């Protein structure tokens, strides 16, 4: 199965410097970042290995990933705009 990768550096390439800055300076961002990548790795593993899992579980994981990405995006925009 072809799996699309969702690491944050590919999702927001225009924010690479801000991602690195916030990782080292903002504990909340670092926590969200770690959670995002943990969920992403698990979703990708399940898809790549074609592990039998119910749709509800995988969809909830993907929704969690979107929520985390949204939170980090807001922080990245604020950081970029000096806030």
PDB file of N, CA and C in Angstrom:
ATOM      1  N   UNK A   1       0.832  -1.177   0.000  1.00  0.00           N
ATOM      2  CA  UNK A   1       0.000   0.000   0.000  1.00  0.00           C
ATOM      3  C   UNK A   1       0.886   1.253   0.000  1.00  0.00           C
ATOM      4  N   UNK A   2       0.576   2.183  -0.845  1.00  0.00           N
ATOM      5  CA  UNK A   2       1.297   3.459  -0.913  1.00  0.00           C
ATOM      6  C   UNK A   2       0.834   4.351   0.244  1.00  0.00           C
ATOM      7  N   UNK A   3       1.776   4.764   1.079  1.00  0.00           N
ATOM      8  CA  UNK A   3       1.439   5.562   2.248  1.00  0.00           C
ATOM      9  C   UNK A   3       1.993   6.962   2.075  1.00  0.00           C
ATOM     10  N   UNK A   4       1.143   7.939   2.262  1.00  0.00           N
ATOM     11  CA  UNK A   4       1.573   9.335   2.199  1.00  0.00           C
ATOM     12  C   UNK A   4       2.158   9.729   3.551  1.00  0.00           C
ATOM     13  N   UNK A   5       3.348  10.311   3.529  1.00  0.00           N
ATOM     14  CA  UNK A   5       4.011  10.693   4.771  1.00  0.00           C
ATOM     15  C   UNK A   5       3.606  12.114   5.170  1.00  0.00           C
ATOM     16  N   UNK A   6       3.427  12.289   6.471  1.00  0.00           N
ATOM     17  CA  UNK A   6       2.901  13.547   6.984  1.00  0.00           C
ATOM     18  C   UNK A   6       3.822  14.195   8.014  1.00  0.00           C
ATOM     19  N   UNK A   7       5.131  14.028   7.878  1.00  0.00           N
ATOM     20  CA  UNK A   7       5.985  14.668   8.866  1.00  0.00           C
ATOM     21  C   UNK A   7       5.859  16.188   8.732  1.00  0.00           C
ATOM     22  N   UNK A   8       6.018  16.864   9.838  1.00  0.00           N
ATOM     23  CA  UNK A   8       5.740  18.294   9.914  1.00  0.00           C
ATOM     24  C   UNK A   8       6.616  19.116   8.969  1.00  0.00           C
ATOM     25  N   UNK A   9       7.831  18.682   8.727  1.00  0.00           N
ATOM     26  CA  UNK A   9       8.728  19.417   7.841  1.00  0.00           C
ATOM     27  C   UNK A   9       8.219  19.414   6.393  1.00  0.00           C
ATOM     28  N   UNK A  10       7.516  18.367   6.013  1.00  0.00           N
ATOM     29  CA  UNK A  10       6.929  18.320   4.670  1.00  0.00           C
ATOM     30  C   UNK A  10       5.581  19.022   4.616  1.00  0.00           C
ATOM     31  N   UNK A  11       4.893  19.043   5.739  1.00  0.00           N
ATOM     32  CA  UNK A  11       3.589  19.708   5.797  1.00  0.00           C
ATOM     33  C   UNK A  11       3.743  21.229   5.758  1.00  0.00           C
ATOM     34  N   UNK A  12       4.766  21.740   6.433  1.00  0.00           N
ATOM     35  CA  UNK A  12       4.978  23.191   6.530  1.00  0.00           C
ATOM     36  C   UNK A  12       6.425  23.565   6.188  1.00  0.00           C
ATOM     37  N   UNK A  13       6.862  23.333   4.957  1.00  0.00           N
ATOM     38  CA  UNK A  13       8.264  23.617   4.632  1.00  0.00           C
ATOM     39  C   UNK A  13       8.632  25.089   4.785  1.00  0.00           C
ATOM     40  N   UNK A  14       7.655  25.985   4.642  1.00  0.00           N
ATOM     41  CA  UNK A  14       7.933  27.413   4.775  1.00  0.00           C
ATOM     42  C   UNK A  14       8.165  27.832   6.230  1.00  0.00           C
ATOM     43  N   UNK A  15       7.920  26.922   7.161  1.00  0.00           N
ATOM     44  CA  UNK A  15       8.068  27.233   8.585  1.00  0.00           C
ATOM     45  C   UNK A  15       9.211  26.450   9.238  1.00  0.00           C
ATOM     46  N   UNK A  16      10.131  25.901   8.455  1.00  0.00           N
ATOM     47  CA  UNK A  16      11.190  25.066   9.021  1.00  0.00           C
ATOM     48  C   UNK A  16      11.959  25.757  10.137  1.00  0.00           C
ATOM     49  N   UNK A  17      12.364  26.994   9.908  1.00  0.00           N
ATOM     50  CA  UNK A  17      13.129  27.714  10.936  1.00  0.00           C
ATOM     51  C   UNK A  17      12.294  27.925  12.192  1.00  0.00           C
ATOM     52  N   UNK A  18      11.021  28.196  12.014  1.00  0.00           N
ATOM     53  CA  UNK A  18      10.141  28.427  13.152  1.00  0.00           C
ATOM     54  C   UNK A  18       9.870  27.123  13.912  1.00  0.00           C
ATOM     55  N   UNK A  19       9.780  26.017  13.191  1.00  0.00           N
ATOM     56  CA  UNK A  19       9.605  24.710  13.837  1.00  0.00           C
ATOM     57  C   UNK A  19      10.789  24.444  14.749  1.00  0.00           C
ATOM     58  N   UNK A  20      11.995  24.633  14.225  1.00  0.00           N
ATOM     59  CA  UNK A  20      13.201  24.380  15.023  1.00  0.00           C
ATOM     60  C   UNK A  20      13.293  25.332  16.206  1.00  0.00           C
ATOM     61  N   UNK A  21      12.950  26.595  15.986  1.00  0.00           N
ATOM     62  CA  UNK A  21      13.012  27.577  17.071  1.00  0.00           C
ATOM     63  C   UNK A  21      12.024  27.223  18.181  1.00  0.00           C
ATOM     64  N   UNK A  22      10.815  26.877  17.802  1.00  0.00           N
ATOM     65  CA  UNK A  22       9.802  26.562  18.811  1.00  0.00           C
ATOM     66  C   UNK A  22      10.083  25.237  19.508  1.00  0.00           C
ATOM     67  N   UNK A  23      10.658  24.300  18.808  1.00  0.00           N
ATOM     68  CA  UNK A  23      11.015  23.026  19.440  1.00  0.00           C
ATOM     69  C   UNK A  23      11.955  23.248  20.611  1.00  0.00           C
ATOM     70  N   UNK A  24      12.878  24.158  20.443  1.00  0.00           N
ATOM     71  CA  UNK A  24      13.878  24.373  21.488  1.00  0.00           C
ATOM     72  C   UNK A  24      13.460  25.409  22.523  1.00  0.00           C
ATOM     73  N   UNK A  25      12.452  26.226  22.204  1.00  0.00           N
ATOM     74  CA  UNK A  25      12.121  27.312  23.133  1.00  0.00           C
ATOM     75  C   UNK A  25      10.734  27.215  23.757  1.00  0.00           C
ATOM     76  N   UNK A  26       9.859  26.381  23.241  1.00  0.00           N
ATOM     77  CA  UNK A  26       8.481  26.332  23.719  1.00  0.00           C
ATOM     78  C   UNK A  26       8.114  24.896  24.095  1.00  0.00           C
ATOM     79  N   UNK A  27       7.959  24.670  25.384  1.00  0.00           N
ATOM     80  CA  UNK A  27       7.686  23.324  25.881  1.00  0.00           C
ATOM     81  C   UNK A  27       6.367  22.770  25.332  1.00  0.00           C
ATOM     82  N   UNK A  28       5.349  23.603  25.247  1.00  0.00           N
ATOM     83  CA  UNK A  28       4.054  23.159  24.728  1.00  0.00           C
ATOM     84  C   UNK A  28       4.176  22.730  23.262  1.00  0.00           C
ATOM     85  N   UNK A  29       4.879  23.532  22.461  1.00  0.00           N
ATOM     86  CA  UNK A  29       5.071  23.170  21.063  1.00  0.00           C
ATOM     87  C   UNK A  29       5.836  21.851  20.967  1.00  0.00           C
ATOM     88  N   UNK A  30       6.876  21.703  21.763  1.00  0.00           N
ATOM     89  CA  UNK A  30       7.661  20.468  21.759  1.00  0.00           C
ATOM     90  C   UNK A  30       6.815  19.259  22.097  1.00  0.00           C
ATOM     91  N   UNK A  31       5.910  19.416  23.058  1.00  0.00           N
ATOM     92  CA  UNK A  31       5.026  18.326  23.444  1.00  0.00           C
ATOM     93  C   UNK A  31       4.066  17.979  22.294  1.00  0.00           C
ATOM     94  N   UNK A  32       3.458  19.000  21.688  1.00  0.00           N
ATOM     95  CA  UNK A  32       2.560  18.780  20.557  1.00  0.00           C
ATOM     96  C   UNK A  32       3.302  18.117  19.396  1.00  0.00           C
ATOM     97  N   UNK A  33       4.515  18.601  19.142  1.00  0.00           N
ATOM     98  CA  UNK A  33       5.347  18.071  18.054  1.00  0.00           C
ATOM     99  C   UNK A  33       5.609  16.578  18.277  1.00  0.00           C
ATOM    100  N   UNK A  34       5.983  16.222  19.490  1.00  0.00           N
ATOM    101  CA  UNK A  34       6.262  14.818  19.794  1.00  0.00           C
ATOM    102  C   UNK A  34       5.007  13.957  19.657  1.00  0.00           C
ATOM    103  N   UNK A  35       3.881  14.456  20.148  1.00  0.00           N
ATOM    104  CA  UNK A  35       2.619  13.729  20.014  1.00  0.00           C
ATOM    105  C   UNK A  35       2.249  13.543  18.545  1.00  0.00           C
ATOM    106  N   UNK A  36       2.385  14.618  17.774  1.00  0.00           N
ATOM    107  CA  UNK A  36       2.051  14.571  16.354  1.00  0.00           C
ATOM    108  C   UNK A  36       2.862  13.487  15.648  1.00  0.00           C
ATOM    109  N   UNK A  37       4.161  13.465  15.902  1.00  0.00           N
ATOM    110  CA  UNK A  37       5.008  12.495  15.213  1.00  0.00           C
ATOM    111  C   UNK A  37       4.772  11.075  15.717  1.00  0.00           C
ATOM    112  N   UNK A  38       4.414  10.931  16.967  1.00  0.00           N
ATOM    113  CA  UNK A  38       4.094   9.603  17.493  1.00  0.00           C
ATOM    114  C   UNK A  38       2.826   9.061  16.821  1.00  0.00           C
ATOM    115  N   UNK A  39       1.790   9.882  16.734  1.00  0.00           N
ATOM    116  CA  UNK A  39       0.547   9.464  16.087  1.00  0.00           C
ATOM    117  C   UNK A  39       0.790   9.201  14.600  1.00  0.00           C
ATOM    118  N   UNK A  40       1.537  10.077  13.950  1.00  0.00           N
ATOM    119  CA  UNK A  40       1.833   9.920  12.526  1.00  0.00           C
ATOM    120  C   UNK A  40       2.574   8.615  12.259  1.00  0.00           C
ATOM    121  N   UNK A  41       3.593   8.338  13.069  1.00  0.00           N
ATOM    122  CA  UNK A  41       4.347   7.083  12.888  1.00  0.00           C
ATOM    123  C   UNK A  41       3.433   5.869  13.040  1.00  0.00           C
ATOM    124  N   UNK A  42       2.526   5.922  14.023  1.00  0.00           N
ATOM    125  CA  UNK A  42       1.637   4.782  14.252  1.00  0.00           C
ATOM    126  C   UNK A  42       0.641   4.615  13.098  1.00  0.00           C
ATOM    127  N   UNK A  43       0.066   5.697  12.616  1.00  0.00           N
ATOM    128  CA  UNK A  43      -0.858   5.625  11.478  1.00  0.00           C
ATOM    129  C   UNK A  43      -0.130   5.070  10.259  1.00  0.00           C
ATOM    130  N   UNK A  44       1.050   5.586   9.988  1.00  0.00           N
ATOM    131  CA  UNK A  44       1.811   5.127   8.826  1.00  0.00           C
ATOM    132  C   UNK A  44       2.214   3.664   8.963  1.00  0.00           C
ATOM    133  N   UNK A  45       2.565   3.250  10.172  1.00  0.00           N
ATOM    134  CA  UNK A  45       2.924   1.843  10.404  1.00  0.00           C
ATOM    135  C   UNK A  45       1.718   0.946  10.128  1.00  0.00           C
ATOM    136  N   UNK A  46       0.571   1.330  10.661  1.00  0.00           N
ATOM    137  CA  UNK A  46      -0.636   0.533  10.451  1.00  0.00           C
ATOM    138  C   UNK A  46      -0.981   0.434   8.966  1.00  0.00           C
ATOM    139  N   UNK A  47      -0.828   1.534   8.249  1.00  0.00           N
ATOM    140  CA  UNK A  47      -1.143   1.538   6.825  1.00  0.00           C
ATOM    141  C   UNK A  47      -0.109   0.759   6.012  1.00  0.00           C
ATOM    142  N   UNK A  48       1.173   0.964   6.322  1.00  0.00           N
ATOM    143  CA  UNK A  48       2.235   0.284   5.562  1.00  0.00           C
ATOM    144  C   UNK A  48       2.195  -1.229   5.755  1.00  0.00           C
ATOM    145  N   UNK A  49       1.952  -1.645   7.000  1.00  0.00           N
ATOM    146  CA  UNK A  49       1.951  -3.070   7.303  1.00  0.00           C
ATOM    147  C   UNK A  49       0.588  -3.697   7.066  1.00  0.00           C
ATOM    148  N   UNK A  50      -0.367  -2.873   6.636  1.00  0.00           N
ATOM    149  CA  UNK A  50      -1.725  -3.335   6.360  1.00  0.00           C
ATOM    150  C   UNK A  50      -2.292  -4.110   7.551  1.00  0.00           C
ATOM    151  N   UNK A  51      -2.064  -3.530   8.743  1.00  0.00           N
ATOM    152  CA  UNK A  51      -2.538  -4.135   9.983  1.00  0.00           C
ATOM    153  C   UNK A  51      -4.058  -4.000  10.041  1.00  0.00           C
ATOM    154  N   UNK A  52      -4.743  -5.086  10.369  1.00  0.00           N
ATOM    155  CA  UNK A  52      -6.200  -4.977  10.479  1.00  0.00           C
ATOM    156  C   UNK A  52      -6.588  -4.110  11.681  1.00  0.00           C
ATOM    157  N   UNK A  53      -7.248  -3.026  11.400  1.00  0.00           N
ATOM    158  CA  UNK A  53      -7.701  -2.122  12.453  1.00  0.00           C
ATOM    159  C   UNK A  53      -9.017  -1.520  11.971  1.00  0.00           C
ATOM    160  N   UNK A  54      -9.938  -1.330  12.902  1.00  0.00           N
ATOM    161  CA  UNK A  54     -11.237  -0.827  12.466  1.00  0.00           C
ATOM    162  C   UNK A  54     -11.127   0.631  12.026  1.00  0.00           C
ATOM    163  N   UNK A  55     -12.023   1.022  11.140  1.00  0.00           N
ATOM    164  CA  UNK A  55     -12.013   2.370  10.572  1.00  0.00           C
ATOM    165  C   UNK A  55     -12.144   3.441  11.637  1.00  0.00           C
ATOM    166  N   UNK A  56     -12.927   3.186  12.665  1.00  0.00           N
ATOM    167  CA  UNK A  56     -13.139   4.146  13.736  1.00  0.00           C
ATOM    168  C   UNK A  56     -11.813   4.503  14.410  1.00  0.00           C
ATOM    169  N   UNK A  57     -10.996   3.509  14.678  1.00  0.00           N
ATOM    170  CA  UNK A  57      -9.710   3.721  15.353  1.00  0.00           C
ATOM    171  C   UNK A  57      -8.772   4.558  14.495  1.00  0.00           C
ATOM    172  N   UNK A  58      -8.608   4.172  13.243  1.00  0.00           N
ATOM    173  CA  UNK A  58      -7.680   4.895  12.371  1.00  0.00           C
ATOM    174  C   UNK A  58      -8.175   6.305  12.097  1.00  0.00           C
ATOM    175  N   UNK A  59      -9.478   6.481  11.950  1.00  0.00           N
ATOM    176  CA  UNK A  59     -10.023   7.823  11.724  1.00  0.00           C
ATOM    177  C   UNK A  59      -9.830   8.714  12.943  1.00  0.00           C
ATOM    178  N   UNK A  60      -9.988   8.155  14.123  1.00  0.00           N
ATOM    179  CA  UNK A  60      -9.742   8.943  15.339  1.00  0.00           C
ATOM    180  C   UNK A  60      -8.281   9.352  15.453  1.00  0.00           C
ATOM    181  N   UNK A  61      -7.389   8.461  15.068  1.00  0.00           N
ATOM    182  CA  UNK A  61      -5.966   8.796  15.089  1.00  0.00           C
ATOM    183  C   UNK A  61      -5.676   9.915  14.093  1.00  0.00           C
ATOM    184  N   UNK A  62      -6.288   9.837  12.923  1.00  0.00           N
ATOM    185  CA  UNK A  62      -6.079  10.876  11.910  1.00  0.00           C
ATOM    186  C   UNK A  62      -6.684  12.200  12.352  1.00  0.00           C
ATOM    187  N   UNK A  63      -7.819  12.165  13.021  1.00  0.00           N
ATOM    188  CA  UNK A  63      -8.416  13.393  13.552  1.00  0.00           C
ATOM    189  C   UNK A  63      -7.529  14.006  14.623  1.00  0.00           C
ATOM    190  N   UNK A  64      -6.944  13.168  15.465  1.00  0.00           N
ATOM    191  CA  UNK A  64      -6.025  13.667  16.487  1.00  0.00           C
ATOM    192  C   UNK A  64      -4.815  14.327  15.817  1.00  0.00           C
ATOM    193  N   UNK A  65      -4.321  13.708  14.772  1.00  0.00           N
ATOM    194  CA  UNK A  65      -3.171  14.265  14.044  1.00  0.00           C
ATOM    195  C   UNK A  65      -3.516  15.628  13.449  1.00  0.00           C
ATOM    196  N   UNK A  66      -4.706  15.770  12.872  1.00  0.00           N
ATOM    197  CA  UNK A  66      -5.132  17.049  12.301  1.00  0.00           C
ATOM    198  C   UNK A  66      -5.255  18.101  13.403  1.00  0.00           C
ATOM    199  N   UNK A  67      -5.818  17.721  14.542  1.00  0.00           N
ATOM    200  CA  UNK A  67      -5.965  18.664  15.650  1.00  0.00           C
ATOM    201  C   UNK A  67      -4.593  19.140  16.126  1.00  0.00           C
ATOM    202  N   UNK A  68      -3.656  18.215  16.282  1.00  0.00           N
ATOM    203  CA  UNK A  68      -2.300  18.575  16.711  1.00  0.00           C
ATOM    204  C   UNK A  68      -1.637  19.496  15.694  1.00  0.00           C
ATOM    205  N   UNK A  69      -1.780  19.161  14.421  1.00  0.00           N
ATOM    206  CA  UNK A  69      -1.184  19.982  13.363  1.00  0.00           C
ATOM    207  C   UNK A  69      -1.784  21.378  13.369  1.00  0.00           C
ATOM    208  N   UNK A  70      -3.070  21.485  13.590  1.00  0.00           N
ATOM    209  CA  UNK A  70      -3.737  22.776  13.648  1.00  0.00           C
ATOM    210  C   UNK A  70      -3.206  23.618  14.812  1.00  0.00           C
ATOM    211  N   UNK A  71      -3.034  23.000  15.958  1.00  0.00           N
ATOM    212  CA  UNK A  71      -2.506  23.718  17.122  1.00  0.00           C
ATOM    213  C   UNK A  71      -1.084  24.223  16.840  1.00  0.00           C
ATOM    214  N   UNK A  72      -0.266  23.369  16.265  1.00  0.00           N
ATOM    215  CA  UNK A  72       1.111  23.781  15.961  1.00  0.00           C
ATOM    216  C   UNK A  72       1.141  24.848  14.884  1.00  0.00           C
ATOM    217  N   UNK A  73       0.271  24.753  13.892  1.00  0.00           N
ATOM    218  CA  UNK A  73       0.224  25.761  12.834  1.00  0.00           C
ATOM    219  C   UNK A  73      -0.085  27.134  13.430  1.00  0.00           C
ATOM    220  N   UNK A  74      -1.039  27.186  14.332  1.00  0.00           N
ATOM    221  CA  UNK A  74      -1.371  28.459  14.987  1.00  0.00           C
ATOM    222  C   UNK A  74      -0.168  29.029  15.739  1.00  0.00           C
ATOM    223  N   UNK A  75       0.564  28.147  16.394  1.00  0.00           N
ATOM    224  CA  UNK A  75       1.752  28.597  17.116  1.00  0.00           C
ATOM    225  C   UNK A  75       2.834  29.068  16.139  1.00  0.00           C
ATOM    226  N   UNK A  76       2.981  28.374  15.022  1.00  0.00           N
ATOM    227  CA  UNK A  76       3.975  28.757  14.022  1.00  0.00           C
ATOM    228  C   UNK A  76       3.654  30.108  13.407  1.00  0.00           C
ATOM    229  N   UNK A  77       2.397  30.338  13.083  1.00  0.00           N
ATOM    230  CA  UNK A  77       1.988  31.622  12.510  1.00  0.00           C
ATOM    231  C   UNK A  77       2.235  32.739  13.510  1.00  0.00           C
ATOM    232  N   UNK A  78       1.874  32.522  14.765  1.00  0.00           N
ATOM    233  CA  UNK A  78       2.087  33.522  15.799  1.00  0.00           C
ATOM    234  C   UNK A  78       3.578  33.816  15.964  1.00  0.00           C
ATOM    235  N   UNK A  79       4.389  32.764  15.952  1.00  0.00           N
ATOM    236  CA  UNK A  79       5.846  32.951  16.087  1.00  0.00           C
ATOM    237  C   UNK A  79       6.400  33.718  14.899  1.00  0.00           C
ATOM    238  N   UNK A  80       5.942  33.371  13.709  1.00  0.00           N
ATOM    239  CA  UNK A  80       6.413  34.057  12.507  1.00  0.00           C
ATOM    240  C   UNK A  80       6.048  35.546  12.531  1.00  0.00           C
ATOM    241  N   UNK A  81       4.872  35.839  13.089  1.00  0.00           N
ATOM    242  CA  UNK A  81       4.401  37.233  13.142  1.00  0.00           C
ATOM    243  C   UNK A  81       4.886  37.963  14.393  1.00  0.00           C
ATOM    244  N   UNK A  82       5.819  37.349  15.096  1.00  0.00           N
ATOM    245  CA  UNK A  82       6.429  38.016  16.239  1.00  0.00           C
ATOM    246  C   UNK A  82       5.676  37.873  17.544  1.00  0.00           C
ATOM    247  N   UNK A  83       4.698  37.006  17.573  1.00  0.00           N
ATOM    248  CA  UNK A  83       3.888  36.835  18.768  1.00  0.00           C
ATOM    249  C   UNK A  83       4.228  35.644  19.482  1.00  0.00           C
TER     250      UNK A  83
END
